[in-house]
Amino acid sequence: MFKVIRIGILLMILFFVAVSSWLTQSRSTDWNNTLWVKVYPINADGSEESRRYIEGLQESDFSGIEDFIAREIRKFGNELERPLRMELGREVKAQPPALQSNRSVPQVMLWSIKLRWWASRITSDQDDPAPDVRIFVRYHSPQADFALENSVGMQKGMVGIVNAFADRRHAGTNNVIIAHEFLHTLGATDKYDPASGIPVFPHGYAEPDRQPLYPQQQAEIMGGRIAVSEFDAMVPKSLRYVIIGAETAGEIRLLSK
C-alpha cells in the first residue's frame, strides 16, 4: 500500500511539472508579453583575457538581441513594444555539465535533466524571481587556437549554453549565436547541415527567391550563416545581417498571430 501511495505522489509531481513546463512554453510564444532573458557569463578557460572581458560586460552589450527580435516580429504583424528584455546576471563560477561527443539517446536525456537542475541551482542566489530563459555564455580567450564547442538551446527548461570568444571584435557574432540558441528555447529548429554548417535550402536561406541565388546578403537566424555559394557560407558579423524566416516564425508561433 505504501508503495502504491509513493508511486501516486511521484506521478502527481511529474504531472504538475509537465503542466508547469507546458504553460511556460506556451506563454513564451504567445507574444503578448515581454520575455525576460538573463545572460550569465562564465570564464570557460580560466584565462586572464576572459576574466577582463567578463568584468567589462554591460547589459547594453546584448541590446542588439532585443532590437533584432523587436524588428523581426514586427515583420509578422506583432507590435509588442518590447518583446524581449535582456538582463546581465552575475558571473557563474562553475561549469555546466559536459555532454560527451559519443553519446546515446539515454545519455543525452540524462544530461538534459542534469543541465536543467544545474541551471536552477547555480543561479538560485541571484534569481528571485527566476527569468523566463537562462542563457549561460562560456567565454574563451580569442588567442586560443581551437574551434569552439557547439552551443545548445533547450526548449525543456528553457536554458541555453553558448560558447563565445572574449573579444569585442566577436561581440556581434556572439549575439548572433545567443539569439540562435534563445530561439531554440522557444521551439525553433536548426536549418543547416550539421556536418558542414551550410544552411539548408530553402528554409535556411534569408532570401530563397533571390536571383541570382548567390551570394545571399543575409542569414536566416536558424540557418546560422550567409550562403555565399552552394558549398560555402560565412557567419554574419552582427544581427543586422540576420532575419527570421517564415519557417522559423511558424515554429515560434509568430505566424499564428
Protein backbone atom coordinates (compact mmCIF):
# COMPACT_ATOMS: atom_id res chain seq x y z
CA MET A 1 0.00 0.00 0.00
CA PHE A 2 2.81 2.39 0.90
CA LYS A 3 4.50 1.66 -2.45
CA VAL A 4 1.28 2.50 -4.32
CA ILE A 5 0.93 5.80 -2.44
CA ARG A 6 4.57 6.69 -3.13
CA ILE A 7 4.19 5.97 -6.85
CA GLY A 8 0.97 8.02 -6.89
CA ILE A 9 2.72 11.00 -5.28
CA LEU A 10 5.59 10.78 -7.78
CA LEU A 11 3.15 10.65 -10.68
CA MET A 12 1.34 13.72 -9.34
CA ILE A 13 4.64 15.60 -9.06
CA LEU A 14 5.59 14.63 -12.62
CA PHE A 15 2.15 15.72 -13.82
CA PHE A 16 2.42 19.15 -12.21
CA VAL A 17 5.97 19.61 -13.51
CA ALA A 18 4.82 18.68 -17.02
CA VAL A 19 1.84 21.06 -16.87
CA SER A 20 4.01 23.87 -15.50
CA SER A 21 6.56 23.30 -18.27
CA TRP A 22 3.82 23.29 -20.92
CA LEU A 23 2.29 26.52 -19.59
CA THR A 24 5.69 28.23 -19.53
CA GLN A 25 6.49 27.16 -23.08
CA SER A 26 3.03 28.19 -24.29
CA ARG A 27 3.28 31.61 -22.69
CA SER A 28 6.77 32.14 -24.09
CA THR A 29 5.40 32.11 -27.64
CA ASP A 30 2.08 33.88 -27.25
CA TRP A 31 3.93 37.17 -27.97
CA ASN A 32 1.59 39.12 -25.71
CA ASN A 33 4.10 39.99 -23.01
CA THR A 34 7.79 40.74 -22.68
CA LEU A 35 10.04 37.69 -22.34
CA TRP A 36 12.76 38.01 -19.72
CA VAL A 37 16.09 36.51 -20.80
CA LYS A 38 19.04 36.53 -18.43
CA VAL A 39 22.64 36.05 -19.53
CA TYR A 40 25.16 34.53 -17.10
CA PRO A 41 28.82 34.85 -18.10
CA ILE A 42 31.27 32.03 -17.36
CA ASN A 43 35.06 32.08 -17.68
CA ALA A 44 35.30 28.85 -19.64
CA ASP A 45 39.10 28.60 -19.92
CA GLY A 46 40.17 30.45 -16.77
CA SER A 47 42.18 32.90 -18.86
CA GLU A 48 43.01 36.48 -17.93
CA GLU A 49 41.51 37.68 -21.22
CA SER A 50 38.18 36.08 -20.43
CA ARG A 51 38.23 37.44 -16.87
CA ARG A 52 38.81 41.03 -18.05
CA TYR A 53 36.17 40.72 -20.76
CA ILE A 54 33.54 39.44 -18.32
CA GLU A 55 34.35 42.26 -15.89
CA GLY A 56 33.71 44.78 -18.66
CA LEU A 57 30.38 43.35 -19.81
CA GLN A 58 27.27 45.55 -19.61
CA GLU A 59 23.62 44.88 -20.33
CA SER A 60 23.87 47.20 -23.32
CA ASP A 61 26.22 44.65 -24.94
CA PHE A 62 23.15 42.46 -25.52
CA SER A 63 20.69 45.17 -26.55
CA GLY A 64 21.20 44.20 -30.20
CA ILE A 65 19.35 40.95 -29.46
CA GLU A 66 16.36 42.92 -28.13
CA ASP A 67 16.41 45.12 -31.24
CA PHE A 68 16.64 42.09 -33.53
CA ILE A 69 13.62 40.32 -32.03
CA ALA A 70 11.55 43.53 -31.97
CA ARG A 71 12.43 44.29 -35.59
CA GLU A 72 11.68 40.81 -36.85
CA ILE A 73 8.38 40.16 -35.05
CA ARG A 74 7.02 43.43 -36.46
CA LYS A 75 7.51 41.96 -39.92
CA PHE A 76 4.95 39.34 -38.93
CA GLY A 77 2.42 41.88 -37.67
CA ASN A 78 3.21 41.93 -33.94
CA GLU A 79 3.51 45.43 -32.44
CA LEU A 80 4.60 44.49 -28.92
CA GLU A 81 6.83 47.39 -27.90
CA ARG A 82 9.43 45.33 -26.06
CA PRO A 83 9.09 41.62 -26.82
CA LEU A 84 12.43 40.80 -25.21
CA ARG A 85 14.17 42.05 -22.10
CA MET A 86 17.84 41.11 -21.87
CA GLU A 87 19.46 41.19 -18.45
CA LEU A 88 23.06 40.52 -17.41
CA GLY A 89 23.47 38.26 -14.41
CA ARG A 90 26.48 37.87 -12.16
CA GLU A 91 29.35 35.67 -13.28
CA VAL A 92 28.84 31.97 -12.65
CA LYS A 93 31.98 30.28 -11.34
CA ALA A 94 31.00 26.66 -12.03
CA GLN A 95 30.97 24.95 -15.42
CA PRO A 96 27.78 23.32 -16.75
CA PRO A 97 27.55 19.53 -17.09
CA ALA A 98 29.55 18.32 -20.08
CA LEU A 99 27.93 16.45 -22.96
CA GLN A 100 30.14 13.71 -24.36
CA SER A 101 30.72 13.64 -28.12
CA ASN A 102 29.89 9.93 -28.46
CA ARG A 103 26.58 9.82 -26.62
CA SER A 104 23.49 7.67 -26.74
CA VAL A 105 19.91 8.90 -26.51
CA PRO A 106 19.61 7.92 -22.81
CA GLN A 107 22.86 9.79 -22.09
CA VAL A 108 21.53 12.92 -23.79
CA MET A 109 18.29 12.69 -21.80
CA LEU A 110 20.23 12.32 -18.55
CA TRP A 111 22.47 15.25 -19.47
CA SER A 112 19.39 17.37 -20.20
CA ILE A 113 17.99 16.66 -16.74
CA LYS A 114 21.36 17.38 -15.11
CA LEU A 115 21.68 20.67 -17.03
CA ARG A 116 18.23 21.91 -16.01
CA TRP A 117 18.89 21.04 -12.37
CA TRP A 118 22.34 22.68 -12.51
CA ALA A 119 20.94 25.83 -14.13
CA SER A 120 18.30 26.36 -11.47
CA ARG A 121 20.64 25.54 -8.59
CA ILE A 122 23.64 27.60 -9.72
CA THR A 123 21.54 30.76 -10.17
CA SER A 124 19.28 30.40 -7.13
CA ASP A 125 21.20 33.05 -5.17
CA GLN A 126 20.58 35.73 -7.82
CA ASP A 127 17.23 34.74 -9.33
CA ASP A 128 14.20 35.78 -7.33
CA PRO A 129 12.01 35.66 -9.30
CA ALA A 130 13.50 33.42 -11.98
CA PRO A 131 13.77 34.68 -15.58
CA ASP A 132 11.82 33.06 -18.41
CA VAL A 133 15.00 31.93 -20.17
CA ARG A 134 18.53 31.39 -18.84
CA ILE A 135 21.47 31.65 -21.24
CA PHE A 136 24.94 30.72 -19.94
CA VAL A 137 27.70 32.22 -22.08
CA ARG A 138 31.07 30.45 -21.73
CA TYR A 139 33.79 32.90 -22.78
CA HIS A 140 37.10 31.70 -24.19
CA SER A 141 40.29 33.61 -24.89
CA PRO A 142 40.40 34.77 -28.54
CA GLN A 143 44.05 33.69 -28.57
CA ALA A 144 43.07 30.06 -28.18
CA ASP A 145 43.84 28.08 -31.32
CA PHE A 146 40.82 25.77 -31.38
CA ALA A 147 37.26 25.61 -32.61
CA LEU A 148 34.60 26.41 -30.04
CA GLU A 149 32.30 23.65 -28.88
CA ASN A 150 28.79 23.65 -30.28
CA SER A 151 26.31 25.79 -28.40
CA VAL A 152 22.94 24.40 -27.37
CA GLY A 153 19.46 25.67 -26.53
CA MET A 154 16.74 23.52 -24.96
CA GLN A 155 13.00 24.16 -25.00
CA LYS A 156 12.51 21.94 -21.96
CA GLY A 157 13.78 24.00 -19.07
CA MET A 158 14.28 27.00 -21.41
CA VAL A 159 18.03 27.09 -20.93
CA GLY A 160 20.91 27.62 -23.33
CA ILE A 161 24.68 27.16 -23.28
CA VAL A 162 26.65 29.41 -25.64
CA ASN A 163 30.38 29.17 -26.35
CA ALA A 164 31.82 32.56 -27.31
CA PHE A 165 35.08 34.47 -27.69
CA ALA A 166 36.05 37.09 -25.10
CA ASP A 167 36.81 39.87 -27.56
CA ARG A 168 34.92 42.99 -28.64
CA ARG A 169 35.61 42.08 -32.26
CA HIS A 170 33.47 38.99 -31.74
CA ALA A 171 30.65 40.70 -29.81
CA GLY A 172 28.33 40.87 -32.82
CA THR A 173 28.89 37.24 -33.75
CA ASN A 174 28.42 36.22 -30.10
CA ASN A 175 25.00 37.89 -30.14
CA VAL A 176 24.05 36.01 -33.30
CA ILE A 177 24.78 32.72 -31.53
CA ILE A 178 22.94 33.82 -28.36
CA ALA A 179 19.87 34.78 -30.43
CA HIS A 180 20.04 31.44 -32.27
CA GLU A 181 20.11 29.43 -29.02
CA PHE A 182 17.42 31.63 -27.47
CA LEU A 183 15.09 30.79 -30.35
CA HIS A 184 15.83 27.11 -29.77
CA THR A 185 14.33 27.52 -26.29
CA LEU A 186 11.12 28.74 -27.96
CA GLY A 187 10.92 25.71 -30.25
CA ALA A 188 12.82 26.83 -33.37
CA THR A 189 14.81 24.10 -35.13
CA ASP A 190 18.20 24.19 -36.88
CA LYS A 191 18.14 24.81 -40.62
CA TYR A 192 21.68 23.90 -41.57
CA ASP A 193 23.58 20.73 -42.36
CA PRO A 194 25.20 19.65 -39.05
CA ALA A 195 28.13 18.07 -40.90
CA SER A 196 29.11 21.11 -42.97
CA GLY A 197 27.37 24.03 -41.27
CA ILE A 198 25.93 25.08 -44.64
CA PRO A 199 22.34 26.45 -44.50
CA VAL A 200 19.72 24.09 -45.92
CA PHE A 201 17.77 25.43 -48.90
CA PRO A 202 15.19 26.93 -48.83
CA HIS A 203 14.30 27.39 -45.14
CA GLY A 204 17.88 28.10 -44.04
CA TYR A 205 18.20 30.96 -46.55
CA ALA A 206 17.22 34.54 -45.82
CA GLU A 207 16.37 35.16 -49.48
CA PRO A 208 15.46 31.81 -51.09
CA ASP A 209 13.87 33.61 -54.07
CA ARG A 210 16.87 35.85 -54.76
CA GLN A 211 18.07 35.93 -58.40
CA PRO A 212 20.84 35.07 -58.78
CA LEU A 213 20.62 32.96 -55.62
CA TYR A 214 24.26 33.53 -54.63
CA PRO A 215 25.70 35.26 -52.83
CA GLN A 216 23.00 35.75 -50.22
CA GLN A 217 23.18 39.10 -48.43
CA GLN A 218 21.76 37.98 -45.08
CA ALA A 219 21.43 34.89 -42.91
CA GLU A 220 18.30 33.20 -41.63
CA ILE A 221 18.80 33.01 -37.86
CA MET A 222 18.35 29.23 -37.59
CA GLY A 223 20.32 28.67 -40.80
CA GLY A 224 23.11 30.37 -38.90
CA ARG A 225 25.25 31.53 -41.83
CA ILE A 226 25.12 33.60 -45.00
CA ALA A 227 25.27 31.27 -48.01
CA VAL A 228 27.78 32.77 -50.45
CA SER A 229 27.66 29.70 -52.71
CA GLU A 230 26.12 26.25 -52.72
CA PHE A 231 29.08 24.89 -50.76
CA ASP A 232 30.30 27.90 -48.77
CA ALA A 233 28.80 30.11 -46.07
CA MET A 234 30.02 32.72 -43.62
CA VAL A 235 28.96 33.62 -40.08
CA PRO A 236 27.30 37.08 -40.01
CA LYS A 237 29.22 39.75 -38.10
CA SER A 238 26.11 41.03 -36.37
CA LEU A 239 22.34 40.65 -36.16
CA ARG A 240 21.96 43.49 -38.65
CA TYR A 241 22.61 40.86 -41.33
CA VAL A 242 20.15 38.29 -39.93
CA ILE A 243 16.41 37.73 -40.32
CA ILE A 244 13.76 35.33 -39.01
CA GLY A 245 12.40 33.32 -41.91
CA ALA A 246 8.82 32.15 -42.37
CA GLU A 247 9.54 28.56 -41.32
CA THR A 248 11.15 29.67 -38.06
CA ALA A 249 8.36 32.20 -37.48
CA GLY A 250 5.84 29.36 -37.71
CA GLU A 251 7.78 27.25 -35.22
CA ILE A 252 7.77 30.04 -32.63
CA ARG A 253 4.09 30.82 -33.37
CA LEU A 254 4.61 34.25 -34.91
CA LEU A 255 2.56 33.29 -37.95
CA SER A 256 -0.41 32.38 -35.80
CA LYS A 257 -0.76 35.94 -34.53
